Amino acid sequence: MDETQPPRKRPRGIYLLPNLFTTAALFAGFYAVLASTQDRFEAASLAIFAAMVLDGFDGRIARMTNTQTDFGAEYDSLSDMVAFGVAPALVAYHWALGELGKVGWLAAFVFTAAAALRLARFNTQIGIADKRYFQGLASPSAAAIVASGIWTASDLGIDGADVSWLAAFLTAGAGLLMVSNFRYLSFKQLNLQGRVPFLLAVGIMLGFAVVFIYPPLVLFALALTYAVSGPVWTLLRLRQSRARRRREAT
């Protein structure tokens, strides 16, 4: 080796494929905000759901193609903040919360601030947290509550001003669940590449059929059920732990 030759520089750049999906998710969140300013709330809600689908792909594609980088992880967090932190809050504000004055923008801010705190906490726990569970409601799931609720109301012809207090409760409540210590199943341990029972495949098919019966209402019900599952499961675990300690004490 010729020691007089200068050391090779590491090639600079980013991996294109996973970051394309992240950029698309970011654009979907940005579009949701623009659509809400034009009173196109159904389109805004659908854009948030599109961001969820795209966000689910970028990380998996990075792992499948072995293109995971620190840049990609940071970019994904910033995209999530826009698509699942800022966009749902502003869509809810333009749809209903603006009717409540300071209470409305406070509810929207609680959601946005909670999403930022949730993402910051998640980033600091990478590598040490149990991957089977989320601590606090994940920001895409919180965004699903807001987006599916607005989508359902818009589809049923319900004006946001008529349900402004309910919208404020759901928006702020979803935000508080993000920064709670309730544990939620992450479903990251599901093996999508291995063999599964035939009945499970049939169940998945029926699940898609149920969703397509009336997508906004079914998705809203699923989002609320998942949001409630955290507190219920955590309280049941605490009750079981207390009962076990009582038995051991006696």
Protein backbone atom coordinates (compact mmCIF):
# COMPACT_ATOMS: atom_id res chain seq x y z
CA MET A 1 0.00 0.00 0.00
CA ASP A 2 1.33 3.41 -1.00
CA GLU A 3 1.30 5.52 2.15
CA THR A 4 1.74 8.68 0.09
CA GLN A 5 -1.74 8.33 -1.38
CA PRO A 6 -4.42 10.36 0.40
CA PRO A 7 -7.07 8.31 2.26
CA ARG A 8 -10.26 7.65 0.38
CA LYS A 9 -13.18 9.78 1.37
CA ARG A 10 -16.44 8.11 2.27
CA PRO A 11 -18.98 8.63 -0.49
CA ARG A 12 -21.52 11.22 0.48
CA GLY A 13 -25.19 10.92 -0.30
CA ILE A 14 -28.41 9.30 0.85
CA TYR A 15 -30.28 6.19 -0.16
CA LEU A 16 -33.02 7.19 -2.55
CA LEU A 17 -35.69 4.47 -2.27
CA PRO A 18 -36.64 4.60 1.44
CA ASN A 19 -36.35 8.39 1.52
CA LEU A 20 -38.73 8.65 -1.43
CA PHE A 21 -41.43 7.03 0.69
CA THR A 22 -40.58 9.32 3.62
CA THR A 23 -40.84 12.36 1.32
CA ALA A 24 -44.16 11.11 -0.02
CA ALA A 25 -45.48 10.76 3.55
CA LEU A 26 -44.26 14.29 4.30
CA PHE A 27 -46.02 15.59 1.20
CA ALA A 28 -49.25 13.82 2.20
CA GLY A 29 -49.18 15.58 5.58
CA PHE A 30 -48.47 18.91 3.89
CA TYR A 31 -51.31 18.33 1.44
CA ALA A 32 -53.68 17.54 4.32
CA VAL A 33 -53.04 20.99 5.79
CA LEU A 34 -53.60 22.69 2.42
CA ALA A 35 -56.81 20.75 1.80
CA SER A 36 -58.19 21.72 5.22
CA THR A 37 -57.67 25.42 4.49
CA GLN A 38 -59.94 24.93 1.46
CA ASP A 39 -62.61 23.11 3.55
CA ARG A 40 -61.84 19.81 1.81
CA PHE A 41 -61.79 17.83 5.03
CA GLU A 42 -62.45 14.40 3.56
CA ALA A 43 -59.46 14.81 1.24
CA ALA A 44 -57.38 16.03 4.18
CA SER A 45 -58.31 12.97 6.23
CA LEU A 46 -57.49 10.62 3.37
CA ALA A 47 -54.12 12.33 2.94
CA ILE A 48 -53.27 11.60 6.59
CA PHE A 49 -54.17 7.94 6.08
CA ALA A 50 -52.01 7.90 2.94
CA ALA A 51 -49.14 9.24 5.04
CA MET A 52 -49.65 6.33 7.47
CA VAL A 53 -49.38 3.77 4.67
CA LEU A 54 -46.27 5.41 3.24
CA ASP A 55 -44.71 5.72 6.70
CA GLY A 56 -45.21 2.00 7.19
CA PHE A 57 -43.29 1.25 4.03
CA ASP A 58 -40.16 3.40 4.36
CA GLY A 59 -38.71 1.64 7.40
CA ARG A 60 -39.49 -1.82 6.09
CA ILE A 61 -37.95 -1.05 2.72
CA ALA A 62 -34.82 0.31 4.41
CA ARG A 63 -34.48 -2.92 6.42
CA MET A 64 -35.18 -5.16 3.42
CA THR A 65 -32.62 -3.36 1.24
CA ASN A 66 -30.13 -2.85 4.10
CA THR A 67 -30.19 0.92 3.58
CA GLN A 68 -30.84 2.02 7.16
CA THR A 69 -28.99 5.22 8.07
CA ASP A 70 -29.06 7.80 10.85
CA PHE A 71 -30.11 10.37 8.27
CA GLY A 72 -33.11 8.25 7.28
CA ALA A 73 -34.17 7.81 10.91
CA GLU A 74 -33.99 11.56 11.60
CA TYR A 75 -35.77 12.41 8.35
CA ASP A 76 -38.51 9.90 9.18
CA SER A 77 -39.05 11.54 12.59
CA LEU A 78 -39.35 14.99 11.04
CA SER A 79 -41.80 13.65 8.46
CA ASP A 80 -43.84 12.00 11.22
CA MET A 81 -43.97 15.28 13.12
CA VAL A 82 -45.52 17.04 10.14
CA ALA A 83 -47.84 14.24 9.00
CA PHE A 84 -48.97 12.97 12.42
CA GLY A 85 -48.32 15.93 14.70
CA VAL A 86 -48.98 19.18 12.87
CA ALA A 87 -51.36 18.08 10.10
CA PRO A 88 -54.06 16.37 12.22
CA ALA A 89 -54.10 19.26 14.69
CA LEU A 90 -54.50 21.90 11.95
CA VAL A 91 -57.11 19.86 10.08
CA ALA A 92 -59.10 19.52 13.32
CA TYR A 93 -58.68 23.22 14.01
CA HIS A 94 -59.96 24.29 10.59
CA TRP A 95 -62.82 21.78 10.80
CA ALA A 96 -64.17 22.39 14.29
CA LEU A 97 -61.75 23.67 16.91
CA GLY A 98 -61.61 27.20 15.52
CA GLU A 99 -65.19 27.67 16.72
CA LEU A 100 -63.99 27.38 20.35
CA GLY A 101 -61.50 30.25 20.26
CA LYS A 102 -58.63 29.82 22.70
CA VAL A 103 -59.90 26.44 23.88
CA GLY A 104 -59.77 25.21 20.30
CA TRP A 105 -56.23 26.26 19.54
CA LEU A 106 -55.15 24.98 22.95
CA ALA A 107 -56.55 21.52 22.15
CA ALA A 108 -54.77 21.58 18.79
CA PHE A 109 -51.51 22.66 20.43
CA VAL A 110 -51.77 19.92 23.06
CA PHE A 111 -51.94 17.36 20.25
CA THR A 112 -48.98 18.87 18.37
CA ALA A 113 -46.80 19.24 21.46
CA ALA A 114 -47.65 15.72 22.61
CA ALA A 115 -46.67 14.31 19.21
CA ALA A 116 -43.29 16.08 19.44
CA LEU A 117 -42.70 14.75 22.95
CA ARG A 118 -43.83 11.26 21.92
CA LEU A 119 -41.41 11.16 18.99
CA ALA A 120 -38.54 12.52 21.10
CA ARG A 121 -39.14 9.89 23.77
CA PHE A 122 -39.37 7.14 21.17
CA ASN A 123 -36.07 8.19 19.57
CA THR A 124 -34.25 8.13 22.91
CA GLN A 125 -35.55 4.62 23.67
CA ILE A 126 -34.50 2.96 20.41
CA GLY A 127 -32.46 -0.12 21.20
CA ILE A 128 -33.46 -0.32 24.87
CA ALA A 129 -37.27 -0.44 24.83
CA ASP A 130 -39.27 -3.66 24.45
CA LYS A 131 -40.17 -3.80 20.75
CA ARG A 132 -43.35 -5.71 21.50
CA TYR A 133 -44.94 -2.62 23.05
CA PHE A 134 -45.23 1.13 22.60
CA GLN A 135 -45.01 3.39 25.62
CA GLY A 136 -47.89 5.73 24.96
CA LEU A 137 -50.11 5.80 21.90
CA ALA A 138 -48.07 5.96 18.69
CA SER A 139 -48.45 9.22 16.76
CA PRO A 140 -49.90 7.55 13.60
CA SER A 141 -52.58 5.90 15.75
CA ALA A 142 -53.41 9.22 17.42
CA ALA A 143 -53.60 10.86 14.00
CA ALA A 144 -55.94 8.05 12.87
CA ILE A 145 -58.41 8.96 15.63
CA VAL A 146 -58.58 12.58 14.48
CA ALA A 147 -58.56 11.85 10.75
CA SER A 148 -61.12 9.03 10.83
CA GLY A 149 -63.39 11.05 13.13
CA ILE A 150 -63.37 14.01 10.75
CA TRP A 151 -63.79 11.71 7.74
CA THR A 152 -66.81 10.01 9.35
CA ALA A 153 -68.45 13.30 10.30
CA SER A 154 -67.85 14.79 6.84
CA ASP A 155 -69.29 11.70 5.18
CA LEU A 156 -72.39 11.86 7.37
CA GLY A 157 -72.84 15.58 6.70
CA ILE A 158 -72.08 16.64 10.28
CA ASP A 159 -70.75 20.17 10.53
CA GLY A 160 -67.66 20.62 12.68
CA ALA A 161 -69.20 23.54 14.55
CA ASP A 162 -71.94 21.23 15.87
CA VAL A 163 -69.46 18.84 17.49
CA SER A 164 -66.65 21.25 18.32
CA TRP A 165 -66.43 20.25 22.01
CA LEU A 166 -66.36 16.55 21.14
CA ALA A 167 -63.62 17.27 18.57
CA ALA A 168 -61.63 19.15 21.21
CA PHE A 169 -61.98 16.23 23.65
CA LEU A 170 -60.86 13.66 21.06
CA THR A 171 -57.96 15.80 19.83
CA ALA A 172 -56.60 16.66 23.26
CA GLY A 173 -57.34 13.16 24.57
CA ALA A 174 -55.42 11.53 21.74
CA GLY A 175 -52.54 13.89 22.46
CA LEU A 176 -52.47 13.03 26.16
CA LEU A 177 -52.51 9.31 25.37
CA MET A 178 -49.36 9.81 23.27
CA VAL A 179 -47.41 11.06 26.30
CA SER A 180 -48.97 8.62 28.76
CA ASN A 181 -47.23 5.56 30.20
CA PHE A 182 -49.91 3.17 28.98
CA ARG A 183 -48.50 0.25 27.02
CA TYR A 184 -49.79 -0.62 23.57
CA LEU A 185 -49.09 -3.68 21.47
CA SER A 186 -46.77 -2.70 18.61
CA PHE A 187 -47.45 -5.78 16.42
CA LYS A 188 -43.80 -5.62 15.34
CA GLN A 189 -43.29 -9.27 16.23
CA LEU A 190 -45.72 -10.48 13.59
CA ASN A 191 -43.92 -12.64 11.02
CA LEU A 192 -45.37 -11.67 7.66
CA GLN A 193 -42.96 -13.87 5.71
CA GLY A 194 -43.56 -17.18 7.46
CA ARG A 195 -46.44 -19.63 7.22
CA VAL A 196 -49.70 -18.75 8.94
CA PRO A 197 -52.81 -20.83 9.69
CA PHE A 198 -55.41 -20.89 6.94
CA LEU A 199 -58.07 -19.51 9.31
CA LEU A 200 -55.89 -16.47 9.98
CA ALA A 201 -55.76 -15.72 6.25
CA VAL A 202 -59.56 -16.03 6.12
CA GLY A 203 -59.86 -13.70 9.13
CA ILE A 204 -57.68 -11.08 7.45
CA MET A 205 -59.80 -11.31 4.31
CA LEU A 206 -62.99 -10.83 6.33
CA GLY A 207 -61.36 -7.91 8.14
CA PHE A 208 -60.75 -6.13 4.85
CA ALA A 209 -64.34 -6.86 3.83
CA VAL A 210 -65.67 -5.28 7.04
CA VAL A 211 -63.52 -2.17 6.52
CA PHE A 212 -64.81 -1.73 2.98
CA ILE A 213 -68.45 -1.86 4.14
CA TYR A 214 -68.08 1.68 5.49
CA PRO A 215 -64.39 2.68 5.71
CA PRO A 216 -64.58 5.95 7.71
CA LEU A 217 -66.76 4.62 10.53
CA VAL A 218 -65.00 1.23 10.75
CA LEU A 219 -61.56 2.87 10.83
CA PHE A 220 -62.77 5.32 13.47
CA ALA A 221 -64.06 2.45 15.62
CA LEU A 222 -60.80 0.53 15.20
CA ALA A 223 -58.71 3.59 16.09
CA LEU A 224 -60.78 4.24 19.23
CA THR A 225 -60.65 0.57 20.24
CA TYR A 226 -56.87 0.52 19.95
CA ALA A 227 -56.60 3.79 21.89
CA VAL A 228 -58.71 2.40 24.73
CA SER A 229 -56.83 -0.92 24.75
CA GLY A 230 -53.76 0.69 26.31
CA PRO A 231 -55.40 1.98 29.51
CA VAL A 232 -57.56 -1.16 29.85
CA TRP A 233 -54.63 -3.56 29.40
CA THR A 234 -52.40 -1.54 31.73
CA LEU A 235 -55.05 -1.40 34.46
CA LEU A 236 -55.67 -5.15 34.16
CA ARG A 237 -51.95 -5.81 34.53
CA LEU A 238 -51.79 -3.59 37.63
CA ARG A 239 -54.76 -5.40 39.12
CA GLN A 240 -53.14 -8.78 38.49
CA SER A 241 -49.87 -7.59 40.03
CA ARG A 242 -51.64 -6.36 43.16
CA ALA A 243 -53.56 -9.63 43.50
CA ARG A 244 -50.33 -11.61 43.15
CA ARG A 245 -48.61 -9.49 45.82
CA ARG A 246 -51.54 -10.05 48.19
CA ARG A 247 -51.33 -13.81 47.68
CA GLU A 248 -47.58 -13.76 48.29
CA ALA A 249 -48.04 -11.64 51.44
CA THR A 250 -50.50 -14.15 52.88
